[in-house]
Amino acid sequence: MSADAHLFVCFSSKDEHIAVQVVESLERDGLKCWIQSRDVLPGHNYQETIVQALESAKGLIFLFSEHSAASGEIKKELSIAATLNLPVFPLRLAPIRPTGALRYELATRQWIDIFHNPEQALRTVAETIRQVLHSPATEVEQRPLPGSTGVATLGASRTLSQAPTPATERARQHVPIIAPGSEQFDVMRSLLARYIGPIAKIYVQKAAIDALTPDDFCEQLAAHINVPANRTAFLKAARAQLGAKS
């Protein structure tokens, strides 16, 4: 990991004291971390800063607990990490198992328990991070995490452990629906951001590559809007912008 790269630490505010200990341990071990309680500066837009930190991260450390399992913001951060193909390192703070959306998100990943022997577990975390970030995919793909718990092989990164998805294969065969940085891209980002905030940029980038048609593009973006009336309003405006079917 380069000197200016960082690991994004994803945690519930109720687990902040443990998150700080994790960060202190990893940074003593030479692994730079980004933690919101320290690195979101006064006066900065909170959501936008989170998105920027994820975009520039080399991996995400997820502190899994009963508190983070119930957090909607945590699920958003994990979703963005998946969209960006970031390797995810789950650390289990208590003997609980993921359910619902988190069960799906962590299905191909193993976690490291840190509630039995925190000092030893954090050494394992640091070792694992270096293995994943520095090893070629062929070396990491089937290697189990040392000292970890779970039923899957490594699976810490979707780019390291999984075959190309159908969306990735399609992306190789067609031009993006809209070009990043274009005026149309900015318009679509702004339309979606009205409803979900700065995270919109990430979803527009992904949908522009994954979608096969303008209408498919609009539908993929609308899926991130929870309120039906807002989703309908977005679809109408987005389709009008792209000339997609209504």
C-alpha atoms as a PDB file:
ATOM      1  CA  MET A   1       0.000   0.000   0.000  1.00  0.00           C
ATOM      2  CA  SER A   2       1.423   3.376  -0.981  1.00  0.00           C
ATOM      3  CA  ALA A   3       2.142   6.047   1.591  1.00  0.00           C
ATOM      4  CA  ASP A   4      -0.900   8.169   0.681  1.00  0.00           C
ATOM      5  CA  ALA A   5      -3.367   5.256   0.350  1.00  0.00           C
ATOM      6  CA  HIS A   6      -5.806   4.500   3.133  1.00  0.00           C
ATOM      7  CA  LEU A   7      -8.241   1.903   4.438  1.00  0.00           C
ATOM      8  CA  PHE A   8     -11.796   3.120   5.043  1.00  0.00           C
ATOM      9  CA  VAL A   9     -13.069   2.105   8.489  1.00  0.00           C
ATOM     10  CA  CYS A  10     -16.808   1.378   8.457  1.00  0.00           C
ATOM     11  CA  PHE A  11     -18.462   1.229  11.892  1.00  0.00           C
ATOM     12  CA  SER A  12     -21.440   2.261  13.989  1.00  0.00           C
ATOM     13  CA  SER A  13     -20.967   5.370  16.130  1.00  0.00           C
ATOM     14  CA  LYS A  14     -21.863   3.166  19.114  1.00  0.00           C
ATOM     15  CA  ASP A  15     -18.687   1.169  18.444  1.00  0.00           C
ATOM     16  CA  GLU A  16     -16.433   4.217  18.045  1.00  0.00           C
ATOM     17  CA  HIS A  17     -14.218   3.320  21.022  1.00  0.00           C
ATOM     18  CA  ILE A  18     -13.379  -0.032  19.395  1.00  0.00           C
ATOM     19  CA  ALA A  19     -12.947   1.573  15.982  1.00  0.00           C
ATOM     20  CA  VAL A  20     -10.388   3.977  17.419  1.00  0.00           C
ATOM     21  CA  GLN A  21      -8.447   1.077  18.955  1.00  0.00           C
ATOM     22  CA  VAL A  22      -8.468  -0.758  15.599  1.00  0.00           C
ATOM     23  CA  VAL A  23      -7.192   2.339  13.798  1.00  0.00           C
ATOM     24  CA  GLU A  24      -4.443   2.957  16.361  1.00  0.00           C
ATOM     25  CA  SER A  25      -3.285  -0.663  16.100  1.00  0.00           C
ATOM     26  CA  LEU A  26      -3.245  -0.738  12.287  1.00  0.00           C
ATOM     27  CA  GLU A  27      -1.531   2.630  11.981  1.00  0.00           C
ATOM     28  CA  ARG A  28       1.170   1.509  14.412  1.00  0.00           C
ATOM     29  CA  ASP A  29       1.611  -1.364  11.977  1.00  0.00           C
ATOM     30  CA  GLY A  30       2.074   1.064   9.078  1.00  0.00           C
ATOM     31  CA  LEU A  31      -1.432   0.812   7.589  1.00  0.00           C
ATOM     32  CA  LYS A  32      -2.990   4.235   7.147  1.00  0.00           C
ATOM     33  CA  CYS A  33      -6.709   4.408   7.982  1.00  0.00           C
ATOM     34  CA  TRP A  34      -9.548   6.817   7.297  1.00  0.00           C
ATOM     35  CA  ILE A  35     -12.084   7.140  10.117  1.00  0.00           C
ATOM     36  CA  GLN A  36     -14.957   9.593   9.992  1.00  0.00           C
ATOM     37  CA  SER A  37     -14.775  10.714  13.626  1.00  0.00           C
ATOM     38  CA  ARG A  38     -11.243  12.005  12.968  1.00  0.00           C
ATOM     39  CA  ASP A  39     -11.037  12.700   9.249  1.00  0.00           C
ATOM     40  CA  VAL A  40     -14.264  14.537   8.410  1.00  0.00           C
ATOM     41  CA  LEU A  41     -13.119  18.127   8.903  1.00  0.00           C
ATOM     42  CA  PRO A  42     -15.383  20.841  10.378  1.00  0.00           C
ATOM     43  CA  GLY A  43     -17.490  22.572   7.756  1.00  0.00           C
ATOM     44  CA  HIS A  44     -17.150  19.783   5.176  1.00  0.00           C
ATOM     45  CA  ASN A  45     -20.192  18.064   3.684  1.00  0.00           C
ATOM     46  CA  TYR A  46     -20.424  14.790   5.622  1.00  0.00           C
ATOM     47  CA  GLN A  47     -21.899  12.551   2.909  1.00  0.00           C
ATOM     48  CA  GLU A  48     -19.707  13.943   0.152  1.00  0.00           C
ATOM     49  CA  THR A  49     -16.588  13.443   2.269  1.00  0.00           C
ATOM     50  CA  ILE A  50     -17.606   9.822   2.954  1.00  0.00           C
ATOM     51  CA  VAL A  51     -18.024   9.139  -0.765  1.00  0.00           C
ATOM     52  CA  GLN A  52     -14.681  10.756  -1.613  1.00  0.00           C
ATOM     53  CA  ALA A  53     -12.933   8.732   1.096  1.00  0.00           C
ATOM     54  CA  LEU A  54     -14.407   5.513  -0.283  1.00  0.00           C
ATOM     55  CA  GLU A  55     -13.434   6.419  -3.848  1.00  0.00           C
ATOM     56  CA  SER A  56      -9.804   6.887  -2.834  1.00  0.00           C
ATOM     57  CA  ALA A  57      -9.619   3.898  -0.442  1.00  0.00           C
ATOM     58  CA  LYS A  58      -7.661   0.704  -1.105  1.00  0.00           C
ATOM     59  CA  GLY A  59      -9.962  -1.385   1.058  1.00  0.00           C
ATOM     60  CA  LEU A  60     -12.749  -1.227   3.641  1.00  0.00           C
ATOM     61  CA  ILE A  61     -12.540  -2.504   7.214  1.00  0.00           C
ATOM     62  CA  PHE A  62     -16.034  -3.350   8.451  1.00  0.00           C
ATOM     63  CA  LEU A  63     -16.633  -3.576  12.206  1.00  0.00           C
ATOM     64  CA  PHE A  64     -19.546  -5.986  12.414  1.00  0.00           C
ATOM     65  CA  SER A  65     -21.676  -5.748  15.556  1.00  0.00           C
ATOM     66  CA  GLU A  66     -25.337  -5.644  16.567  1.00  0.00           C
ATOM     67  CA  HIS A  67     -25.142  -1.857  16.172  1.00  0.00           C
ATOM     68  CA  SER A  68     -23.639  -1.804  12.674  1.00  0.00           C
ATOM     69  CA  ALA A  69     -26.024  -4.599  11.606  1.00  0.00           C
ATOM     70  CA  ALA A  70     -28.938  -2.242  12.307  1.00  0.00           C
ATOM     71  CA  SER A  71     -27.435   0.823  10.595  1.00  0.00           C
ATOM     72  CA  GLY A  72     -28.772   1.988   7.234  1.00  0.00           C
ATOM     73  CA  GLU A  73     -25.701   4.166   6.686  1.00  0.00           C
ATOM     74  CA  ILE A  74     -23.416   1.145   7.117  1.00  0.00           C
ATOM     75  CA  LYS A  75     -25.346  -0.712   4.406  1.00  0.00           C
ATOM     76  CA  LYS A  76     -24.871   2.278   2.073  1.00  0.00           C
ATOM     77  CA  GLU A  77     -21.121   2.335   2.683  1.00  0.00           C
ATOM     78  CA  LEU A  78     -20.858  -1.408   2.026  1.00  0.00           C
ATOM     79  CA  SER A  79     -22.919  -0.984  -1.140  1.00  0.00           C
ATOM     80  CA  ILE A  80     -20.580   1.728  -2.397  1.00  0.00           C
ATOM     81  CA  ALA A  81     -17.567  -0.442  -1.564  1.00  0.00           C
ATOM     82  CA  ALA A  82     -19.094  -3.261  -3.632  1.00  0.00           C
ATOM     83  CA  THR A  83     -19.731  -0.870  -6.508  1.00  0.00           C
ATOM     84  CA  LEU A  84     -16.108   0.270  -6.371  1.00  0.00           C
ATOM     85  CA  ASN A  85     -14.859  -3.362  -6.110  1.00  0.00           C
ATOM     86  CA  LEU A  86     -13.042  -2.603  -2.865  1.00  0.00           C
ATOM     87  CA  PRO A  87     -11.745  -5.528  -0.825  1.00  0.00           C
ATOM     88  CA  VAL A  88     -13.755  -5.752   2.407  1.00  0.00           C
ATOM     89  CA  PHE A  89     -12.262  -6.988   5.688  1.00  0.00           C
ATOM     90  CA  PRO A  90     -15.039  -7.794   8.199  1.00  0.00           C
ATOM     91  CA  LEU A  91     -14.064  -7.786  11.887  1.00  0.00           C
ATOM     92  CA  ARG A  92     -16.646  -9.360  14.176  1.00  0.00           C
ATOM     93  CA  LEU A  93     -16.961  -7.556  17.498  1.00  0.00           C
ATOM     94  CA  ALA A  94     -19.386 -10.040  19.093  1.00  0.00           C
ATOM     95  CA  PRO A  95     -20.527 -13.632  18.441  1.00  0.00           C
ATOM     96  CA  ILE A  96     -23.448 -12.753  16.163  1.00  0.00           C
ATOM     97  CA  ARG A  97     -24.185 -13.648  12.560  1.00  0.00           C
ATOM     98  CA  PRO A  98     -25.305 -11.375   9.731  1.00  0.00           C
ATOM     99  CA  THR A  99     -28.940 -11.374   8.637  1.00  0.00           C
ATOM    100  CA  GLY A 100     -30.918  -9.701   5.863  1.00  0.00           C
ATOM    101  CA  ALA A 101     -28.955  -7.432   3.541  1.00  0.00           C
ATOM    102  CA  LEU A 102     -25.746  -7.932   5.510  1.00  0.00           C
ATOM    103  CA  ARG A 103     -26.032 -11.690   5.165  1.00  0.00           C
ATOM    104  CA  TYR A 104     -26.072 -11.237   1.397  1.00  0.00           C
ATOM    105  CA  GLU A 105     -23.256  -8.679   1.470  1.00  0.00           C
ATOM    106  CA  LEU A 106     -20.977 -10.896   3.574  1.00  0.00           C
ATOM    107  CA  ALA A 107     -21.953 -14.231   2.014  1.00  0.00           C
ATOM    108  CA  THR A 108     -18.651 -14.684   0.157  1.00  0.00           C
ATOM    109  CA  ARG A 109     -16.426 -13.196   2.843  1.00  0.00           C
ATOM    110  CA  GLN A 110     -14.901 -14.547   6.016  1.00  0.00           C
ATOM    111  CA  TRP A 111     -14.644 -12.439   9.108  1.00  0.00           C
ATOM    112  CA  ILE A 112     -12.023 -12.223  11.839  1.00  0.00           C
ATOM    113  CA  ASP A 113     -13.223 -12.362  15.452  1.00  0.00           C
ATOM    114  CA  ILE A 114     -11.613  -9.743  17.653  1.00  0.00           C
ATOM    115  CA  PHE A 115     -13.625 -10.297  20.854  1.00  0.00           C
ATOM    116  CA  HIS A 116     -11.601 -13.277  22.158  1.00  0.00           C
ATOM    117  CA  ASN A 117      -8.037 -12.014  21.764  1.00  0.00           C
ATOM    118  CA  PRO A 118      -8.060  -8.465  20.313  1.00  0.00           C
ATOM    119  CA  GLU A 119      -4.289  -8.060  20.157  1.00  0.00           C
ATOM    120  CA  GLN A 120      -3.717 -11.283  18.251  1.00  0.00           C
ATOM    121  CA  ALA A 121      -6.741 -10.684  16.019  1.00  0.00           C
ATOM    122  CA  LEU A 122      -5.517  -7.216  15.029  1.00  0.00           C
ATOM    123  CA  ARG A 123      -2.147  -8.673  14.055  1.00  0.00           C
ATOM    124  CA  THR A 124      -4.040 -11.135  11.868  1.00  0.00           C
ATOM    125  CA  VAL A 125      -6.042  -8.264  10.364  1.00  0.00           C
ATOM    126  CA  ALA A 126      -2.881  -6.382   9.412  1.00  0.00           C
ATOM    127  CA  GLU A 127      -1.321  -9.527   7.920  1.00  0.00           C
ATOM    128  CA  THR A 128      -4.478 -10.326   5.954  1.00  0.00           C
ATOM    129  CA  ILE A 129      -4.760  -6.803   4.566  1.00  0.00           C
ATOM    130  CA  ARG A 130      -1.199  -6.919   3.294  1.00  0.00           C
ATOM    131  CA  GLN A 131      -1.764 -10.353   1.732  1.00  0.00           C
ATOM    132  CA  VAL A 132      -4.872  -9.239  -0.122  1.00  0.00           C
ATOM    133  CA  LEU A 133      -3.584  -5.857  -1.282  1.00  0.00           C
ATOM    134  CA  HIS A 134      -0.156  -7.094  -2.349  1.00  0.00           C
ATOM    135  CA  SER A 135      -0.897 -10.555  -3.742  1.00  0.00           C
ATOM    136  CA  PRO A 136      -1.959 -11.315  -7.325  1.00  0.00           C
ATOM    137  CA  ALA A 137      -5.507 -12.633  -7.668  1.00  0.00           C
ATOM    138  CA  THR A 138      -4.279 -16.118  -8.536  1.00  0.00           C
ATOM    139  CA  GLU A 139      -2.417 -16.346  -5.245  1.00  0.00           C
ATOM    140  CA  VAL A 140      -5.208 -14.963  -3.075  1.00  0.00           C
ATOM    141  CA  GLU A 141      -8.264 -16.506  -4.682  1.00  0.00           C
ATOM    142  CA  GLN A 142      -8.538 -19.740  -2.690  1.00  0.00           C
ATOM    143  CA  ARG A 143      -6.419 -18.892   0.348  1.00  0.00           C
ATOM    144  CA  PRO A 144      -8.422 -18.915   3.625  1.00  0.00           C
ATOM    145  CA  LEU A 145      -7.978 -16.016   5.994  1.00  0.00           C
ATOM    146  CA  PRO A 146      -5.584 -16.902   8.826  1.00  0.00           C
ATOM    147  CA  GLY A 147      -7.426 -17.088  12.133  1.00  0.00           C
ATOM    148  CA  SER A 148     -10.784 -16.335  10.541  1.00  0.00           C
ATOM    149  CA  THR A 149     -14.279 -17.709  10.957  1.00  0.00           C
ATOM    150  CA  GLY A 150     -16.835 -18.569   8.316  1.00  0.00           C
ATOM    151  CA  VAL A 151     -17.738 -20.975   5.573  1.00  0.00           C
ATOM    152  CA  ALA A 152     -16.335 -19.356   2.434  1.00  0.00           C
ATOM    153  CA  THR A 153     -12.824 -19.030   1.063  1.00  0.00           C
ATOM    154  CA  LEU A 154     -11.196 -15.629   1.120  1.00  0.00           C
ATOM    155  CA  GLY A 155     -13.688 -13.687  -0.959  1.00  0.00           C
ATOM    156  CA  ALA A 156     -12.475 -10.433   0.578  1.00  0.00           C
ATOM    157  CA  SER A 157     -12.652  -8.672  -2.759  1.00  0.00           C
ATOM    158  CA  ARG A 158     -15.095  -9.224  -5.557  1.00  0.00           C
ATOM    159  CA  THR A 159     -12.362  -8.389  -8.024  1.00  0.00           C
ATOM    160  CA  LEU A 160     -10.011 -10.950  -6.476  1.00  0.00           C
ATOM    161  CA  SER A 161     -12.298 -13.863  -5.798  1.00  0.00           C
ATOM    162  CA  GLN A 162     -15.109 -13.886  -8.324  1.00  0.00           C
ATOM    163  CA  ALA A 163     -15.346 -14.452 -12.053  1.00  0.00           C
ATOM    164  CA  PRO A 164     -16.390 -11.465 -14.207  1.00  0.00           C
ATOM    165  CA  THR A 165     -20.077 -10.692 -13.790  1.00  0.00           C
ATOM    166  CA  PRO A 166     -22.462 -10.522 -16.748  1.00  0.00           C
ATOM    167  CA  ALA A 167     -22.473  -6.745 -16.324  1.00  0.00           C
ATOM    168  CA  THR A 168     -18.676  -6.697 -16.606  1.00  0.00           C
ATOM    169  CA  GLU A 169     -18.802  -8.818 -19.755  1.00  0.00           C
ATOM    170  CA  ARG A 170     -21.418  -6.519 -21.262  1.00  0.00           C
ATOM    171  CA  ALA A 171     -19.326  -3.502 -20.347  1.00  0.00           C
ATOM    172  CA  ARG A 172     -16.543  -4.846 -22.531  1.00  0.00           C
ATOM    173  CA  GLN A 173     -18.890  -4.975 -25.508  1.00  0.00           C
ATOM    174  CA  HIS A 174     -20.700  -1.633 -25.505  1.00  0.00           C
ATOM    175  CA  VAL A 175     -20.101   2.044 -25.004  1.00  0.00           C
ATOM    176  CA  PRO A 176     -21.320   3.578 -21.700  1.00  0.00           C
ATOM    177  CA  ILE A 177     -24.813   5.051 -21.857  1.00  0.00           C
ATOM    178  CA  ILE A 178     -23.369   8.436 -20.876  1.00  0.00           C
ATOM    179  CA  ALA A 179     -19.745   9.504 -20.615  1.00  0.00           C
ATOM    180  CA  PRO A 180     -18.282  10.349 -17.183  1.00  0.00           C
ATOM    181  CA  GLY A 181     -17.591  14.067 -16.938  1.00  0.00           C
ATOM    182  CA  SER A 182     -20.073  14.943 -19.676  1.00  0.00           C
ATOM    183  CA  GLU A 183     -22.846  17.501 -19.253  1.00  0.00           C
ATOM    184  CA  GLN A 184     -25.419  14.716 -19.415  1.00  0.00           C
ATOM    185  CA  PHE A 185     -23.590  12.782 -16.685  1.00  0.00           C
ATOM    186  CA  ASP A 186     -23.702  15.837 -14.407  1.00  0.00           C
ATOM    187  CA  VAL A 187     -27.415  16.301 -15.090  1.00  0.00           C
ATOM    188  CA  MET A 188     -28.208  12.672 -14.202  1.00  0.00           C
ATOM    189  CA  ARG A 189     -26.012  12.838 -11.111  1.00  0.00           C
ATOM    190  CA  SER A 190     -27.830  15.984  -9.960  1.00  0.00           C
ATOM    191  CA  LEU A 191     -31.260  14.432 -10.600  1.00  0.00           C
ATOM    192  CA  LEU A 192     -30.431  11.370  -8.503  1.00  0.00           C
ATOM    193  CA  ALA A 193     -28.594  13.361  -5.826  1.00  0.00           C
ATOM    194  CA  ARG A 194     -31.829  15.209  -5.013  1.00  0.00           C
ATOM    195  CA  TYR A 195     -33.092  11.988  -3.492  1.00  0.00           C
ATOM    196  CA  ILE A 196     -30.017  10.111  -2.220  1.00  0.00           C
ATOM    197  CA  GLY A 197     -27.264  12.721  -1.847  1.00  0.00           C
ATOM    198  CA  PRO A 198     -23.619  12.624  -3.053  1.00  0.00           C
ATOM    199  CA  ILE A 199     -23.652   8.828  -3.289  1.00  0.00           C
ATOM    200  CA  ALA A 200     -25.477   9.398  -6.585  1.00  0.00           C
ATOM    201  CA  LYS A 201     -22.199   9.910  -8.434  1.00  0.00           C
ATOM    202  CA  ILE A 202     -21.056   6.347  -7.731  1.00  0.00           C
ATOM    203  CA  TYR A 203     -24.342   4.807  -8.867  1.00  0.00           C
ATOM    204  CA  VAL A 204     -24.454   6.866 -12.064  1.00  0.00           C
ATOM    205  CA  GLN A 205     -20.898   5.776 -12.934  1.00  0.00           C
ATOM    206  CA  LYS A 206     -21.773   2.103 -12.437  1.00  0.00           C
ATOM    207  CA  ALA A 207     -25.135   2.185 -14.211  1.00  0.00           C
ATOM    208  CA  ALA A 208     -23.621   4.023 -17.189  1.00  0.00           C
ATOM    209  CA  ILE A 209     -21.365   0.998 -17.742  1.00  0.00           C
ATOM    210  CA  ASP A 210     -23.749  -1.803 -16.723  1.00  0.00           C
ATOM    211  CA  ALA A 211     -26.919  -0.665 -18.513  1.00  0.00           C
ATOM    212  CA  LEU A 212     -27.633  -1.860 -22.037  1.00  0.00           C
ATOM    213  CA  THR A 213     -30.245   0.769 -22.917  1.00  0.00           C
ATOM    214  CA  PRO A 214     -31.142   4.277 -21.704  1.00  0.00           C
ATOM    215  CA  ASP A 215     -34.293   2.910 -20.056  1.00  0.00           C
ATOM    216  CA  ASP A 216     -32.302   0.189 -18.299  1.00  0.00           C
ATOM    217  CA  PHE A 217     -29.943   2.925 -17.089  1.00  0.00           C
ATOM    218  CA  CYS A 218     -32.844   4.940 -15.656  1.00  0.00           C
ATOM    219  CA  GLU A 219     -34.358   1.885 -13.970  1.00  0.00           C
ATOM    220  CA  GLN A 220     -31.041   0.944 -12.338  1.00  0.00           C
ATOM    221  CA  LEU A 221     -30.708   4.430 -10.870  1.00  0.00           C
ATOM    222  CA  ALA A 222     -34.342   4.592  -9.747  1.00  0.00           C
ATOM    223  CA  ALA A 223     -33.860   1.366  -7.771  1.00  0.00           C
ATOM    224  CA  HIS A 224     -31.756   3.332  -5.259  1.00  0.00           C
ATOM    225  CA  ILE A 225     -34.681   5.636  -4.379  1.00  0.00           C
ATOM    226  CA  ASN A 226     -36.842   4.218  -1.587  1.00  0.00           C
ATOM    227  CA  VAL A 227     -39.903   6.516  -1.714  1.00  0.00           C
ATOM    228  CA  PRO A 228     -42.226   5.412  -4.563  1.00  0.00           C
ATOM    229  CA  ALA A 229     -43.369   8.943  -5.433  1.00  0.00           C
ATOM    230  CA  ASN A 230     -39.784  10.162  -5.608  1.00  0.00           C
ATOM    231  CA  ARG A 231     -38.796   7.145  -7.700  1.00  0.00           C
ATOM    232  CA  THR A 232     -41.607   7.896 -10.159  1.00  0.00           C
ATOM    233  CA  ALA A 233     -40.630  11.588 -10.366  1.00  0.00           C
ATOM    234  CA  PHE A 234     -36.990  10.669 -10.958  1.00  0.00           C
ATOM    235  CA  LEU A 235     -37.835   8.175 -13.697  1.00  0.00           C
ATOM    236  CA  LYS A 236     -39.967  10.738 -15.514  1.00  0.00           C
ATOM    237  CA  ALA A 237     -37.218  13.382 -15.418  1.00  0.00           C
ATOM    238  CA  ALA A 238     -34.428  10.927 -16.228  1.00  0.00           C
ATOM    239  CA  ARG A 239     -36.235   9.384 -19.197  1.00  0.00           C
ATOM    240  CA  ALA A 240     -37.058  12.826 -20.546  1.00  0.00           C
ATOM    241  CA  GLN A 241     -33.369  13.765 -20.277  1.00  0.00           C
ATOM    242  CA  LEU A 242     -32.214  10.648 -22.141  1.00  0.00           C
ATOM    243  CA  GLY A 243     -35.129  10.236 -24.503  1.00  0.00           C
ATOM    244  CA  ALA A 244     -35.867   6.809 -23.002  1.00  0.00           C
ATOM    245  CA  LYS A 245     -39.270   5.161 -23.207  1.00  0.00           C
ATOM    246  CA  SER A 246     -41.821   6.169 -20.555  1.00  0.00           C
END
